[in-house]
Amino acid sequence: TKQESLSAENTKLLNENEQLKQEVRTASETVEETQPEENPYKD
């Protein structure tokens, strides 16, 4: 019973981990998209 519970918990953690990775990737892509372009006339 404990093994089944741990297996279910492990599956849940793996899913949450994958979801967090996806959120980080999405956030990183969003930051890259919203990051202002370097000013070509800064000098």
PDB file of all heavy atoms in Angstrom:
ATOM      1  N   THR A   1       0.832  -1.209   0.000  1.00  0.00           N
ATOM      2  CA  THR A   1       0.000   0.000   0.000  1.00  0.00           C
ATOM      3  C   THR A   1       0.865   1.256   0.000  1.00  0.00           C
ATOM      4  O   THR A   1       0.601   2.212  -0.741  1.00  0.00           O
ATOM      5  CB  THR A   1      -0.919   0.003   1.239  1.00  0.00           C
ATOM      6  OG1 THR A   1      -1.736  -1.175   1.230  1.00  0.00           O
ATOM      7  CG2 THR A   1      -1.821   1.230   1.237  1.00  0.00           C
ATOM      8  N   LYS A   2       1.938   1.238   0.846  1.00  0.00           N
ATOM      9  CA  LYS A   2       2.848   2.381   0.888  1.00  0.00           C
ATOM     10  C   LYS A   2       3.560   2.564  -0.451  1.00  0.00           C
ATOM     11  O   LYS A   2       3.761   3.694  -0.903  1.00  0.00           O
ATOM     12  CB  LYS A   2       3.875   2.191   2.007  1.00  0.00           C
ATOM     13  CG  LYS A   2       3.293   2.334   3.403  1.00  0.00           C
ATOM     14  CD  LYS A   2       4.366   2.145   4.466  1.00  0.00           C
ATOM     15  CE  LYS A   2       3.779   2.290   5.866  1.00  0.00           C
ATOM     16  NZ  LYS A   2       4.802   2.078   6.921  1.00  0.00           N
ATOM     17  N   GLN A   3       3.944   1.443  -1.066  1.00  0.00           N
ATOM     18  CA  GLN A   3       4.612   1.515  -2.350  1.00  0.00           C
ATOM     19  C   GLN A   3       3.707   2.137  -3.406  1.00  0.00           C
ATOM     20  O   GLN A   3       4.144   2.964  -4.209  1.00  0.00           O
ATOM     21  CB  GLN A   3       5.058   0.119  -2.796  1.00  0.00           C
ATOM     22  CG  GLN A   3       5.858   0.118  -4.102  1.00  0.00           C
ATOM     23  CD  GLN A   3       6.309  -1.267  -4.491  1.00  0.00           C
ATOM     24  OE1 GLN A   3       5.982  -2.234  -3.821  1.00  0.00           O
ATOM     25  NE2 GLN A   3       7.061  -1.367  -5.569  1.00  0.00           N
ATOM     26  N   GLU A   4       2.434   1.740  -3.407  1.00  0.00           N
ATOM     27  CA  GLU A   4       1.485   2.334  -4.348  1.00  0.00           C
ATOM     28  C   GLU A   4       1.326   3.826  -4.092  1.00  0.00           C
ATOM     29  O   GLU A   4       1.263   4.626  -5.025  1.00  0.00           O
ATOM     30  CB  GLU A   4       0.136   1.628  -4.237  1.00  0.00           C
ATOM     31  CG  GLU A   4       0.154   0.179  -4.725  1.00  0.00           C
ATOM     32  CD  GLU A   4      -1.171  -0.523  -4.505  1.00  0.00           C
ATOM     33  OE1 GLU A   4      -2.081   0.131  -3.937  1.00  0.00           O
ATOM     34  OE2 GLU A   4      -1.298  -1.705  -4.885  1.00  0.00           O
ATOM     35  N   SER A   5       1.274   4.186  -2.773  1.00  0.00           N
ATOM     36  CA  SER A   5       1.142   5.600  -2.423  1.00  0.00           C
ATOM     37  C   SER A   5       2.371   6.388  -2.862  1.00  0.00           C
ATOM     38  O   SER A   5       2.255   7.484  -3.424  1.00  0.00           O
ATOM     39  CB  SER A   5       0.936   5.736  -0.910  1.00  0.00           C
ATOM     40  OG  SER A   5       0.876   7.089  -0.539  1.00  0.00           O
ATOM     41  N   LEU A   6       3.573   5.802  -2.615  1.00  0.00           N
ATOM     42  CA  LEU A   6       4.805   6.476  -3.021  1.00  0.00           C
ATOM     43  C   LEU A   6       4.906   6.588  -4.540  1.00  0.00           C
ATOM     44  O   LEU A   6       5.373   7.603  -5.064  1.00  0.00           O
ATOM     45  CB  LEU A   6       6.022   5.703  -2.472  1.00  0.00           C
ATOM     46  CG  LEU A   6       6.247   5.779  -0.957  1.00  0.00           C
ATOM     47  CD1 LEU A   6       7.368   4.848  -0.546  1.00  0.00           C
ATOM     48  CD2 LEU A   6       6.569   7.216  -0.531  1.00  0.00           C
ATOM     49  N   SER A   7       4.457   5.540  -5.223  1.00  0.00           N
ATOM     50  CA  SER A   7       4.480   5.578  -6.686  1.00  0.00           C
ATOM     51  C   SER A   7       3.572   6.685  -7.208  1.00  0.00           C
ATOM     52  O   SER A   7       3.936   7.429  -8.122  1.00  0.00           O
ATOM     53  CB  SER A   7       4.054   4.219  -7.237  1.00  0.00           C
ATOM     54  OG  SER A   7       4.035   4.233  -8.647  1.00  0.00           O
ATOM     55  N   ALA A   8       2.382   6.795  -6.590  1.00  0.00           N
ATOM     56  CA  ALA A   8       1.448   7.852  -7.008  1.00  0.00           C
ATOM     57  C   ALA A   8       2.026   9.230  -6.699  1.00  0.00           C
ATOM     58  O   ALA A   8       1.924  10.159  -7.514  1.00  0.00           O
ATOM     59  CB  ALA A   8       0.107   7.672  -6.306  1.00  0.00           C
ATOM     60  N   GLU A   9       2.671   9.356  -5.516  1.00  0.00           N
ATOM     61  CA  GLU A   9       3.277  10.628  -5.138  1.00  0.00           C
ATOM     62  C   GLU A   9       4.432  10.979  -6.074  1.00  0.00           C
ATOM     63  O   GLU A   9       4.598  12.137  -6.477  1.00  0.00           O
ATOM     64  CB  GLU A   9       3.789  10.551  -3.688  1.00  0.00           C
ATOM     65  CG  GLU A   9       4.321  11.864  -3.139  1.00  0.00           C
ATOM     66  CD  GLU A   9       3.238  12.893  -2.936  1.00  0.00           C
ATOM     67  OE1 GLU A   9       2.054  12.501  -2.834  1.00  0.00           O
ATOM     68  OE2 GLU A   9       3.569  14.093  -2.885  1.00  0.00           O
ATOM     69  N   ASN A  10       5.220   9.950  -6.440  1.00  0.00           N
ATOM     70  CA  ASN A  10       6.331  10.165  -7.359  1.00  0.00           C
ATOM     71  C   ASN A  10       5.832  10.623  -8.728  1.00  0.00           C
ATOM     72  O   ASN A  10       6.389  11.547  -9.336  1.00  0.00           O
ATOM     73  CB  ASN A  10       7.138   8.877  -7.492  1.00  0.00           C
ATOM     74  CG  ASN A  10       8.381   9.054  -8.338  1.00  0.00           C
ATOM     75  OD1 ASN A  10       9.154   9.977  -8.132  1.00  0.00           O
ATOM     76  ND2 ASN A  10       8.571   8.171  -9.294  1.00  0.00           N
ATOM     77  N   THR A  11       4.762   9.991  -9.196  1.00  0.00           N
ATOM     78  CA  THR A  11       4.175  10.397 -10.475  1.00  0.00           C
ATOM     79  C   THR A  11       3.677  11.835 -10.413  1.00  0.00           C
ATOM     80  O   THR A  11       3.875  12.625 -11.348  1.00  0.00           O
ATOM     81  CB  THR A  11       3.016   9.450 -10.845  1.00  0.00           C
ATOM     82  OG1 THR A  11       3.496   8.105 -10.908  1.00  0.00           O
ATOM     83  CG2 THR A  11       2.403   9.840 -12.179  1.00  0.00           C
ATOM     84  N   LYS A  12       3.061  12.183  -9.286  1.00  0.00           N
ATOM     85  CA  LYS A  12       2.561  13.547  -9.112  1.00  0.00           C
ATOM     86  C   LYS A  12       3.716  14.554  -9.130  1.00  0.00           C
ATOM     87  O   LYS A  12       3.637  15.609  -9.772  1.00  0.00           O
ATOM     88  CB  LYS A  12       1.792  13.643  -7.792  1.00  0.00           C
ATOM     89  CG  LYS A  12       1.240  15.030  -7.503  1.00  0.00           C
ATOM     90  CD  LYS A  12       0.517  15.042  -6.166  1.00  0.00           C
ATOM     91  CE  LYS A  12       0.009  16.454  -5.839  1.00  0.00           C
ATOM     92  NZ  LYS A  12      -0.655  16.502  -4.522  1.00  0.00           N
ATOM     93  N   LEU A  13       4.821  14.205  -8.403  1.00  0.00           N
ATOM     94  CA  LEU A  13       5.971  15.109  -8.361  1.00  0.00           C
ATOM     95  C   LEU A  13       6.613  15.247  -9.744  1.00  0.00           C
ATOM     96  O   LEU A  13       7.028  16.351 -10.127  1.00  0.00           O
ATOM     97  CB  LEU A  13       7.012  14.574  -7.358  1.00  0.00           C
ATOM     98  CG  LEU A  13       6.617  14.666  -5.880  1.00  0.00           C
ATOM     99  CD1 LEU A  13       7.657  13.972  -5.015  1.00  0.00           C
ATOM    100  CD2 LEU A  13       6.458  16.124  -5.443  1.00  0.00           C
ATOM    101  N   LEU A  14       6.689  14.136 -10.480  1.00  0.00           N
ATOM    102  CA  LEU A  14       7.241  14.209 -11.834  1.00  0.00           C
ATOM    103  C   LEU A  14       6.400  15.118 -12.722  1.00  0.00           C
ATOM    104  O   LEU A  14       6.933  15.922 -13.496  1.00  0.00           O
ATOM    105  CB  LEU A  14       7.324  12.797 -12.434  1.00  0.00           C
ATOM    106  CG  LEU A  14       8.404  11.863 -11.858  1.00  0.00           C
ATOM    107  CD1 LEU A  14       8.266  10.474 -12.455  1.00  0.00           C
ATOM    108  CD2 LEU A  14       9.795  12.413 -12.118  1.00  0.00           C
ATOM    109  N   ASN A  15       5.073  14.991 -12.593  1.00  0.00           N
ATOM    110  CA  ASN A  15       4.186  15.851 -13.384  1.00  0.00           C
ATOM    111  C   ASN A  15       4.351  17.313 -12.996  1.00  0.00           C
ATOM    112  O   ASN A  15       4.388  18.198 -13.859  1.00  0.00           O
ATOM    113  CB  ASN A  15       2.733  15.410 -13.207  1.00  0.00           C
ATOM    114  CG  ASN A  15       2.454  14.050 -13.826  1.00  0.00           C
ATOM    115  OD1 ASN A  15       3.152  13.624 -14.741  1.00  0.00           O
ATOM    116  ND2 ASN A  15       1.453  13.350 -13.332  1.00  0.00           N
ATOM    117  N   GLU A  16       4.438  17.572 -11.662  1.00  0.00           N
ATOM    118  CA  GLU A  16       4.622  18.950 -11.204  1.00  0.00           C
ATOM    119  C   GLU A  16       5.959  19.502 -11.674  1.00  0.00           C
ATOM    120  O   GLU A  16       6.058  20.678 -12.062  1.00  0.00           O
ATOM    121  CB  GLU A  16       4.529  19.004  -9.675  1.00  0.00           C
ATOM    122  CG  GLU A  16       3.123  18.755  -9.137  1.00  0.00           C
ATOM    123  CD  GLU A  16       3.077  18.791  -7.619  1.00  0.00           C
ATOM    124  OE1 GLU A  16       4.157  18.885  -7.003  1.00  0.00           O
ATOM    125  OE2 GLU A  16       1.969  18.714  -7.050  1.00  0.00           O
ATOM    126  N   ASN A  17       7.004  18.652 -11.615  1.00  0.00           N
ATOM    127  CA  ASN A  17       8.325  19.070 -12.069  1.00  0.00           C
ATOM    128  C   ASN A  17       8.309  19.422 -13.553  1.00  0.00           C
ATOM    129  O   ASN A  17       8.872  20.435 -13.980  1.00  0.00           O
ATOM    130  CB  ASN A  17       9.338  17.954 -11.800  1.00  0.00           C
ATOM    131  CG  ASN A  17      10.757  18.369 -12.129  1.00  0.00           C
ATOM    132  OD1 ASN A  17      11.201  19.451 -11.765  1.00  0.00           O
ATOM    133  ND2 ASN A  17      11.480  17.509 -12.814  1.00  0.00           N
ATOM    134  N   GLU A  18       7.649  18.580 -14.334  1.00  0.00           N
ATOM    135  CA  GLU A  18       7.552  18.841 -15.773  1.00  0.00           C
ATOM    136  C   GLU A  18       6.765  20.120 -16.040  1.00  0.00           C
ATOM    137  O   GLU A  18       7.111  20.910 -16.929  1.00  0.00           O
ATOM    138  CB  GLU A  18       6.872  17.648 -16.459  1.00  0.00           C
ATOM    139  CG  GLU A  18       6.895  17.718 -17.973  1.00  0.00           C
ATOM    140  CD  GLU A  18       8.290  17.711 -18.548  1.00  0.00           C
ATOM    141  OE1 GLU A  18       9.190  17.101 -17.933  1.00  0.00           O
ATOM    142  OE2 GLU A  18       8.492  18.333 -19.613  1.00  0.00           O
ATOM    143  N   GLN A  19       5.703  20.337 -15.228  1.00  0.00           N
ATOM    144  CA  GLN A  19       4.902  21.556 -15.381  1.00  0.00           C
ATOM    145  C   GLN A  19       5.735  22.794 -15.038  1.00  0.00           C
ATOM    146  O   GLN A  19       5.663  23.811 -15.728  1.00  0.00           O
ATOM    147  CB  GLN A  19       3.669  21.479 -14.485  1.00  0.00           C
ATOM    148  CG  GLN A  19       2.723  22.658 -14.663  1.00  0.00           C
ATOM    149  CD  GLN A  19       1.464  22.513 -13.820  1.00  0.00           C
ATOM    150  OE1 GLN A  19       1.267  21.501 -13.144  1.00  0.00           O
ATOM    151  NE2 GLN A  19       0.620  23.516 -13.841  1.00  0.00           N
ATOM    152  N   LEU A  20       6.549  22.683 -13.951  1.00  0.00           N
ATOM    153  CA  LEU A  20       7.399  23.807 -13.567  1.00  0.00           C
ATOM    154  C   LEU A  20       8.435  24.104 -14.654  1.00  0.00           C
ATOM    155  O   LEU A  20       8.709  25.267 -14.960  1.00  0.00           O
ATOM    156  CB  LEU A  20       8.108  23.502 -12.238  1.00  0.00           C
ATOM    157  CG  LEU A  20       7.240  23.569 -10.986  1.00  0.00           C
ATOM    158  CD1 LEU A  20       8.021  23.091  -9.768  1.00  0.00           C
ATOM    159  CD2 LEU A  20       6.731  24.998 -10.735  1.00  0.00           C
ATOM    160  N   LYS A  21       9.010  23.020 -15.235  1.00  0.00           N
ATOM    161  CA  LYS A  21       9.967  23.222 -16.320  1.00  0.00           C
ATOM    162  C   LYS A  21       9.314  23.954 -17.487  1.00  0.00           C
ATOM    163  O   LYS A  21       9.911  24.860 -18.077  1.00  0.00           O
ATOM    164  CB  LYS A  21      10.510  21.871 -16.791  1.00  0.00           C
ATOM    165  CG  LYS A  21      11.505  21.231 -15.842  1.00  0.00           C
ATOM    166  CD  LYS A  21      12.014  19.924 -16.424  1.00  0.00           C
ATOM    167  CE  LYS A  21      13.030  19.268 -15.500  1.00  0.00           C
ATOM    168  NZ  LYS A  21      13.515  17.968 -16.057  1.00  0.00           N
ATOM    169  N   GLN A  22       8.080  23.538 -17.793  1.00  0.00           N
ATOM    170  CA  GLN A  22       7.359  24.175 -18.895  1.00  0.00           C
ATOM    171  C   GLN A  22       7.090  25.642 -18.586  1.00  0.00           C
ATOM    172  O   GLN A  22       7.228  26.515 -19.456  1.00  0.00           O
ATOM    173  CB  GLN A  22       6.045  23.424 -19.162  1.00  0.00           C
ATOM    174  CG  GLN A  22       5.246  23.960 -20.343  1.00  0.00           C
ATOM    175  CD  GLN A  22       6.005  23.839 -21.647  1.00  0.00           C
ATOM    176  OE1 GLN A  22       6.736  22.880 -21.858  1.00  0.00           O
ATOM    177  NE2 GLN A  22       5.849  24.807 -22.526  1.00  0.00           N
ATOM    178  N   GLU A  23       6.701  25.926 -17.311  1.00  0.00           N
ATOM    179  CA  GLU A  23       6.452  27.312 -16.915  1.00  0.00           C
ATOM    180  C   GLU A  23       7.723  28.144 -16.993  1.00  0.00           C
ATOM    181  O   GLU A  23       7.689  29.308 -17.417  1.00  0.00           O
ATOM    182  CB  GLU A  23       5.871  27.348 -15.499  1.00  0.00           C
ATOM    183  CG  GLU A  23       4.449  26.798 -15.414  1.00  0.00           C
ATOM    184  CD  GLU A  23       3.931  26.774 -13.983  1.00  0.00           C
ATOM    185  OE1 GLU A  23       4.707  27.140 -13.068  1.00  0.00           O
ATOM    186  OE2 GLU A  23       2.770  26.400 -13.774  1.00  0.00           O
ATOM    187  N   VAL A  24       8.860  27.541 -16.561  1.00  0.00           N
ATOM    188  CA  VAL A  24      10.143  28.258 -16.631  1.00  0.00           C
ATOM    189  C   VAL A  24      10.506  28.551 -18.079  1.00  0.00           C
ATOM    190  O   VAL A  24      10.950  29.652 -18.417  1.00  0.00           O
ATOM    191  CB  VAL A  24      11.256  27.435 -15.942  1.00  0.00           C
ATOM    192  CG1 VAL A  24      12.623  28.034 -16.242  1.00  0.00           C
ATOM    193  CG2 VAL A  24      11.038  27.402 -14.444  1.00  0.00           C
ATOM    194  N   ARG A  25      10.312  27.525 -18.957  1.00  0.00           N
ATOM    195  CA  ARG A  25      10.608  27.740 -20.371  1.00  0.00           C
ATOM    196  C   ARG A  25       9.719  28.840 -20.949  1.00  0.00           C
ATOM    197  O   ARG A  25      10.190  29.711 -21.691  1.00  0.00           O
ATOM    198  CB  ARG A  25      10.417  26.437 -21.156  1.00  0.00           C
ATOM    199  CG  ARG A  25      11.539  25.426 -20.964  1.00  0.00           C
ATOM    200  CD  ARG A  25      11.464  24.337 -22.026  1.00  0.00           C
ATOM    201  NE  ARG A  25      10.289  23.497 -21.847  1.00  0.00           N
ATOM    202  CZ  ARG A  25      10.284  22.371 -21.168  1.00  0.00           C
ATOM    203  NH1 ARG A  25      11.394  21.936 -20.590  1.00  0.00           N
ATOM    204  NH2 ARG A  25       9.186  21.642 -21.053  1.00  0.00           N
ATOM    205  N   THR A  26       8.424  28.794 -20.588  1.00  0.00           N
ATOM    206  CA  THR A  26       7.491  29.804 -21.084  1.00  0.00           C
ATOM    207  C   THR A  26       7.873  31.190 -20.586  1.00  0.00           C
ATOM    208  O   THR A  26       7.867  32.165 -21.342  1.00  0.00           O
ATOM    209  CB  THR A  26       6.060  29.464 -20.652  1.00  0.00           C
ATOM    210  OG1 THR A  26       5.712  28.153 -21.118  1.00  0.00           O
ATOM    211  CG2 THR A  26       5.074  30.479 -21.201  1.00  0.00           C
ATOM    212  N   ALA A  27       8.225  31.251 -19.258  1.00  0.00           N
ATOM    213  CA  ALA A  27       8.628  32.542 -18.677  1.00  0.00           C
ATOM    214  C   ALA A  27       9.899  33.059 -19.336  1.00  0.00           C
ATOM    215  O   ALA A  27      10.030  34.254 -19.615  1.00  0.00           O
ATOM    216  CB  ALA A  27       8.833  32.398 -17.171  1.00  0.00           C
ATOM    217  N   SER A  28      10.843  32.139 -19.583  1.00  0.00           N
ATOM    218  CA  SER A  28      12.102  32.537 -20.229  1.00  0.00           C
ATOM    219  C   SER A  28      11.842  33.062 -21.632  1.00  0.00           C
ATOM    220  O   SER A  28      12.414  34.076 -22.047  1.00  0.00           O
ATOM    221  CB  SER A  28      13.051  31.344 -20.279  1.00  0.00           C
ATOM    222  OG  SER A  28      14.241  31.681 -20.945  1.00  0.00           O
ATOM    223  N   GLU A  29      10.958  32.354 -22.367  1.00  0.00           N
ATOM    224  CA  GLU A  29      10.626  32.807 -23.715  1.00  0.00           C
ATOM    225  C   GLU A  29       9.924  34.159 -23.673  1.00  0.00           C
ATOM    226  O   GLU A  29      10.176  35.029 -24.516  1.00  0.00           O
ATOM    227  CB  GLU A  29       9.741  31.772 -24.404  1.00  0.00           C
ATOM    228  CG  GLU A  29      10.470  30.471 -24.720  1.00  0.00           C
ATOM    229  CD  GLU A  29       9.531  29.398 -25.240  1.00  0.00           C
ATOM    230  OE1 GLU A  29       8.313  29.677 -25.318  1.00  0.00           O
ATOM    231  OE2 GLU A  29      10.006  28.289 -25.555  1.00  0.00           O
ATOM    232  N   THR A  30       9.047  34.333 -22.650  1.00  0.00           N
ATOM    233  CA  THR A  30       8.342  35.610 -22.513  1.00  0.00           C
ATOM    234  C   THR A  30       9.312  36.739 -22.221  1.00  0.00           C
ATOM    235  O   THR A  30       9.212  37.834 -22.781  1.00  0.00           O
ATOM    236  CB  THR A  30       7.292  35.521 -21.398  1.00  0.00           C
ATOM    237  OG1 THR A  30       6.381  34.451 -21.687  1.00  0.00           O
ATOM    238  CG2 THR A  30       6.522  36.830 -21.273  1.00  0.00           C
ATOM    239  N   VAL A  31      10.291  36.445 -21.313  1.00  0.00           N
ATOM    240  CA  VAL A  31      11.293  37.471 -20.979  1.00  0.00           C
ATOM    241  C   VAL A  31      12.116  37.824 -22.204  1.00  0.00           C
ATOM    242  O   VAL A  31      12.401  38.992 -22.473  1.00  0.00           O
ATOM    243  CB  VAL A  31      12.216  36.959 -19.837  1.00  0.00           C
ATOM    244  CG1 VAL A  31      13.412  37.886 -19.673  1.00  0.00           C
ATOM    245  CG2 VAL A  31      11.446  36.891 -18.537  1.00  0.00           C
ATOM    246  N   GLU A  32      12.479  36.774 -22.970  1.00  0.00           N
ATOM    247  CA  GLU A  32      13.257  37.039 -24.176  1.00  0.00           C
ATOM    248  C   GLU A  32      12.459  37.861 -25.170  1.00  0.00           C
ATOM    249  O   GLU A  32      13.001  38.739 -25.858  1.00  0.00           O
ATOM    250  CB  GLU A  32      13.687  35.716 -24.817  1.00  0.00           C
ATOM    251  CG  GLU A  32      14.739  34.973 -24.011  1.00  0.00           C
ATOM    252  CD  GLU A  32      15.098  33.645 -24.650  1.00  0.00           C
ATOM    253  OE1 GLU A  32      14.491  33.315 -25.693  1.00  0.00           O
ATOM    254  OE2 GLU A  32      15.977  32.953 -24.107  1.00  0.00           O
ATOM    255  N   GLU A  33      11.133  37.564 -25.262  1.00  0.00           N
ATOM    256  CA  GLU A  33      10.303  38.300 -26.207  1.00  0.00           C
ATOM    257  C   GLU A  33      10.101  39.741 -25.763  1.00  0.00           C
ATOM    258  O   GLU A  33      10.045  40.654 -26.590  1.00  0.00           O
ATOM    259  CB  GLU A  33       8.948  37.610 -26.356  1.00  0.00           C
ATOM    260  CG  GLU A  33       9.037  36.268 -27.084  1.00  0.00           C
ATOM    261  CD  GLU A  33       7.716  35.539 -27.113  1.00  0.00           C
ATOM    262  OE1 GLU A  33       6.761  36.096 -26.526  1.00  0.00           O
ATOM    263  OE2 GLU A  33       7.638  34.450 -27.695  1.00  0.00           O
ATOM    264  N   THR A  34       9.944  39.932 -24.414  1.00  0.00           N
ATOM    265  CA  THR A  34       9.657  41.282 -23.912  1.00  0.00           C
ATOM    266  C   THR A  34      10.916  42.077 -23.602  1.00  0.00           C
ATOM    267  O   THR A  34      10.827  43.255 -23.312  1.00  0.00           O
ATOM    268  CB  THR A  34       8.803  41.191 -22.637  1.00  0.00           C
ATOM    269  OG1 THR A  34       9.504  40.408 -21.647  1.00  0.00           O
ATOM    270  CG2 THR A  34       7.470  40.539 -22.923  1.00  0.00           C
ATOM    271  N   GLN A  35      12.086  41.395 -23.629  1.00  0.00           N
ATOM    272  CA  GLN A  35      13.316  42.111 -23.325  1.00  0.00           C
ATOM    273  C   GLN A  35      13.569  43.164 -24.400  1.00  0.00           C
ATOM    274  O   GLN A  35      13.557  42.855 -25.601  1.00  0.00           O
ATOM    275  CB  GLN A  35      14.485  41.137 -23.270  1.00  0.00           C
ATOM    276  CG  GLN A  35      15.771  41.788 -22.770  1.00  0.00           C
ATOM    277  CD  GLN A  35      16.853  40.746 -22.605  1.00  0.00           C
ATOM    278  OE1 GLN A  35      16.680  39.603 -22.974  1.00  0.00           O
ATOM    279  NE2 GLN A  35      17.968  41.138 -22.036  1.00  0.00           N
ATOM    280  N   PRO A  36      13.779  44.390 -23.995  1.00  0.00           N
ATOM    281  CA  PRO A  36      13.982  45.448 -24.987  1.00  0.00           C
ATOM    282  C   PRO A  36      15.254  45.206 -25.795  1.00  0.00           C
ATOM    283  O   PRO A  36      16.246  44.687 -25.283  1.00  0.00           O
ATOM    284  CB  PRO A  36      14.091  46.725 -24.129  1.00  0.00           C
ATOM    285  CG  PRO A  36      14.511  46.240 -22.775  1.00  0.00           C
ATOM    286  CD  PRO A  36      13.882  44.891 -22.617  1.00  0.00           C
ATOM    287  N   GLU A  37      15.178  45.564 -27.061  1.00  0.00           N
ATOM    288  CA  GLU A  37      16.346  45.410 -27.911  1.00  0.00           C
ATOM    289  C   GLU A  37      17.433  46.390 -27.495  1.00  0.00           C
ATOM    290  O   GLU A  37      17.162  47.472 -26.982  1.00  0.00           O
ATOM    291  CB  GLU A  37      15.949  45.660 -29.376  1.00  0.00           C
ATOM    292  CG  GLU A  37      14.965  44.632 -29.921  1.00  0.00           C
ATOM    293  CD  GLU A  37      14.641  44.900 -31.371  1.00  0.00           C
ATOM    294  OE1 GLU A  37      15.200  45.887 -31.925  1.00  0.00           O
ATOM    295  OE2 GLU A  37      13.833  44.155 -31.938  1.00  0.00           O
ATOM    296  N   GLU A  38      18.658  45.958 -27.712  1.00  0.00           N
ATOM    297  CA  GLU A  38      19.784  46.824 -27.366  1.00  0.00           C
ATOM    298  C   GLU A  38      19.739  48.092 -28.213  1.00  0.00           C
ATOM    299  O   GLU A  38      19.475  48.036 -29.423  1.00  0.00           O
ATOM    300  CB  GLU A  38      21.096  46.069 -27.606  1.00  0.00           C
ATOM    301  CG  GLU A  38      22.319  46.860 -27.169  1.00  0.00           C
ATOM    302  CD  GLU A  38      23.594  46.062 -27.383  1.00  0.00           C
ATOM    303  OE1 GLU A  38      23.493  44.888 -27.789  1.00  0.00           O
ATOM    304  OE2 GLU A  38      24.683  46.622 -27.152  1.00  0.00           O
ATOM    305  N   ASN A  39      19.978  49.214 -27.564  1.00  0.00           N
ATOM    306  CA  ASN A  39      19.940  50.502 -28.249  1.00  0.00           C
ATOM    307  C   ASN A  39      21.128  50.611 -29.209  1.00  0.00           C
ATOM    308  O   ASN A  39      22.279  50.663 -28.776  1.00  0.00           O
ATOM    309  CB  ASN A  39      19.982  51.629 -27.210  1.00  0.00           C
ATOM    310  CG  ASN A  39      19.948  53.002 -27.861  1.00  0.00           C
ATOM    311  OD1 ASN A  39      19.771  53.118 -29.068  1.00  0.00           O
ATOM    312  ND2 ASN A  39      20.130  54.042 -27.047  1.00  0.00           N
ATOM    313  N   PRO A  40      20.869  50.636 -30.529  1.00  0.00           N
ATOM    314  CA  PRO A  40      21.983  50.723 -31.482  1.00  0.00           C
ATOM    315  C   PRO A  40      22.641  52.103 -31.499  1.00  0.00           C
ATOM    316  O   PRO A  40      23.704  52.276 -32.100  1.00  0.00           O
ATOM    317  CB  PRO A  40      21.320  50.409 -32.827  1.00  0.00           C
ATOM    318  CG  PRO A  40      19.900  50.829 -32.654  1.00  0.00           C
ATOM    319  CD  PRO A  40      19.564  50.571 -31.212  1.00  0.00           C
ATOM    320  N   TYR A  41      21.977  53.078 -30.844  1.00  0.00           N
ATOM    321  CA  TYR A  41      22.504  54.450 -30.853  1.00  0.00           C
ATOM    322  C   TYR A  41      22.927  54.909 -29.456  1.00  0.00           C
ATOM    323  O   TYR A  41      22.888  56.098 -29.157  1.00  0.00           O
ATOM    324  CB  TYR A  41      21.436  55.408 -31.397  1.00  0.00           C
ATOM    325  CG  TYR A  41      20.889  55.018 -32.740  1.00  0.00           C
ATOM    326  CD1 TYR A  41      19.573  54.594 -32.880  1.00  0.00           C
ATOM    327  CD2 TYR A  41      21.690  55.055 -33.872  1.00  0.00           C
ATOM    328  CE1 TYR A  41      19.070  54.231 -34.124  1.00  0.00           C
ATOM    329  CE2 TYR A  41      21.186  54.688 -35.116  1.00  0.00           C
ATOM    330  CZ  TYR A  41      19.874  54.285 -35.232  1.00  0.00           C
ATOM    331  OH  TYR A  41      19.389  53.913 -36.457  1.00  0.00           O
ATOM    332  N   LYS A  42      23.339  53.938 -28.615  1.00  0.00           N
ATOM    333  CA  LYS A  42      23.651  54.302 -27.232  1.00  0.00           C
ATOM    334  C   LYS A  42      24.843  55.262 -27.130  1.00  0.00           C
ATOM    335  O   LYS A  42      24.976  55.987 -26.146  1.00  0.00           O
ATOM    336  CB  LYS A  42      23.925  53.042 -26.411  1.00  0.00           C
ATOM    337  CG  LYS A  42      25.126  52.240 -26.867  1.00  0.00           C
ATOM    338  CD  LYS A  42      25.307  51.014 -25.990  1.00  0.00           C
ATOM    339  CE  LYS A  42      26.511  50.183 -26.442  1.00  0.00           C
ATOM    340  NZ  LYS A  42      26.701  48.988 -25.583  1.00  0.00           N
ATOM    341  N   ASP A  43      25.723  55.268 -28.144  1.00  0.00           N
ATOM    342  CA  ASP A  43      26.883  56.162 -28.111  1.00  0.00           C
ATOM    343  C   ASP A  43      26.641  57.466 -28.852  1.00  0.00           C
ATOM    344  O   ASP A  43      27.535  58.329 -28.917  1.00  0.00           O
ATOM    345  CB  ASP A  43      28.110  55.455 -28.721  1.00  0.00           C
ATOM    346  CG  ASP A  43      28.513  54.224 -27.923  1.00  0.00           C
ATOM    347  OD1 ASP A  43      28.415  54.272 -26.689  1.00  0.00           O
ATOM    348  OD2 ASP A  43      28.916  53.218 -28.542  1.00  0.00           O
TER     349      ASP A  43
END
